[in-house]
Amino acid sequence: MLLSSMIVAVRRWAYARSVANELYNLDTRDLDDVGISRWQIRDVARKAARDAIA
């Protein structure tokens, strides 16, 4: 049980990092197009990871 929750946590962290990196590579105009600002990237990435990996 503990091992599986650790694996899920690591997978979520890796996914969130990947999403955040992709978003940080966008310019401000592209971020405006999708409706987020730079200061929201970390929160958006974490939420995406929680929603994607159960």
C-alpha atoms as a PDB file:
ATOM      1  CA  MET A   1       0.000   0.000   0.000  1.00  0.00           C
ATOM      2  CA  LEU A   2       2.724   2.464   0.958  1.00  0.00           C
ATOM      3  CA  LEU A   3       4.788   1.549  -2.076  1.00  0.00           C
ATOM      4  CA  SER A   4       1.885   2.036  -4.458  1.00  0.00           C
ATOM      5  CA  SER A   5       1.079   5.467  -3.002  1.00  0.00           C
ATOM      6  CA  MET A   6       4.744   6.434  -3.346  1.00  0.00           C
ATOM      7  CA  ILE A   7       4.745   5.318  -6.973  1.00  0.00           C
ATOM      8  CA  VAL A   8       1.614   7.367  -7.668  1.00  0.00           C
ATOM      9  CA  ALA A   9       3.197  10.410  -6.013  1.00  0.00           C
ATOM     10  CA  VAL A  10       6.346  10.099  -8.122  1.00  0.00           C
ATOM     11  CA  ARG A  11       4.321   9.643 -11.304  1.00  0.00           C
ATOM     12  CA  ARG A  12       2.220  12.719 -10.480  1.00  0.00           C
ATOM     13  CA  TRP A  13       5.340  14.760  -9.741  1.00  0.00           C
ATOM     14  CA  ALA A  14       6.935  13.720 -13.043  1.00  0.00           C
ATOM     15  CA  TYR A  15       3.757  14.456 -14.982  1.00  0.00           C
ATOM     16  CA  ALA A  16       3.348  17.864 -13.300  1.00  0.00           C
ATOM     17  CA  ARG A  17       6.961  18.698 -14.061  1.00  0.00           C
ATOM     18  CA  SER A  18       6.482  17.762 -17.699  1.00  0.00           C
ATOM     19  CA  VAL A  19       3.329  19.862 -18.026  1.00  0.00           C
ATOM     20  CA  ALA A  20       4.961  22.820 -16.279  1.00  0.00           C
ATOM     21  CA  ASN A  21       8.014  22.633 -18.543  1.00  0.00           C
ATOM     22  CA  GLU A  22       5.796  22.650 -21.624  1.00  0.00           C
ATOM     23  CA  LEU A  23       3.847  25.646 -20.331  1.00  0.00           C
ATOM     24  CA  TYR A  24       7.000  27.558 -19.341  1.00  0.00           C
ATOM     25  CA  ASN A  25       8.221  27.148 -22.922  1.00  0.00           C
ATOM     26  CA  LEU A  26       5.195  29.033 -24.262  1.00  0.00           C
ATOM     27  CA  ASP A  27       5.379  32.765 -24.710  1.00  0.00           C
ATOM     28  CA  THR A  28       3.016  35.135 -22.924  1.00  0.00           C
ATOM     29  CA  ARG A  29       0.740  35.475 -25.937  1.00  0.00           C
ATOM     30  CA  ASP A  30       0.236  31.703 -26.172  1.00  0.00           C
ATOM     31  CA  LEU A  31      -0.456  31.489 -22.445  1.00  0.00           C
ATOM     32  CA  ASP A  32      -3.029  34.264 -22.800  1.00  0.00           C
ATOM     33  CA  ASP A  33      -4.669  32.255 -25.581  1.00  0.00           C
ATOM     34  CA  VAL A  34      -5.174  29.277 -23.261  1.00  0.00           C
ATOM     35  CA  GLY A  35      -6.274  31.524 -20.419  1.00  0.00           C
ATOM     36  CA  ILE A  36      -3.477  31.207 -17.872  1.00  0.00           C
ATOM     37  CA  SER A  37      -0.689  33.462 -16.701  1.00  0.00           C
ATOM     38  CA  ARG A  38       2.865  32.543 -15.784  1.00  0.00           C
ATOM     39  CA  TRP A  39       2.189  32.625 -12.043  1.00  0.00           C
ATOM     40  CA  GLN A  40      -0.548  29.992 -12.496  1.00  0.00           C
ATOM     41  CA  ILE A  41       1.597  27.438 -14.321  1.00  0.00           C
ATOM     42  CA  ARG A  42       2.632  25.464 -11.232  1.00  0.00           C
ATOM     43  CA  ASP A  43      -0.941  25.176  -9.967  1.00  0.00           C
ATOM     44  CA  VAL A  44      -2.265  24.222 -13.396  1.00  0.00           C
ATOM     45  CA  ALA A  45       0.419  21.549 -13.748  1.00  0.00           C
ATOM     46  CA  ARG A  46      -0.343  20.071 -10.319  1.00  0.00           C
ATOM     47  CA  LYS A  47      -4.068  19.957 -11.038  1.00  0.00           C
ATOM     48  CA  ALA A  48      -3.422  18.299 -14.383  1.00  0.00           C
ATOM     49  CA  ALA A  49      -1.302  15.661 -12.663  1.00  0.00           C
ATOM     50  CA  ARG A  50      -3.970  14.976 -10.018  1.00  0.00           C
ATOM     51  CA  ASP A  51      -6.638  14.642 -12.697  1.00  0.00           C
ATOM     52  CA  ALA A  52      -4.549  12.479 -15.020  1.00  0.00           C
ATOM     53  CA  ILE A  53      -3.044  10.008 -12.583  1.00  0.00           C
ATOM     54  CA  ALA A  54      -5.273   8.243 -10.091  1.00  0.00           C
END
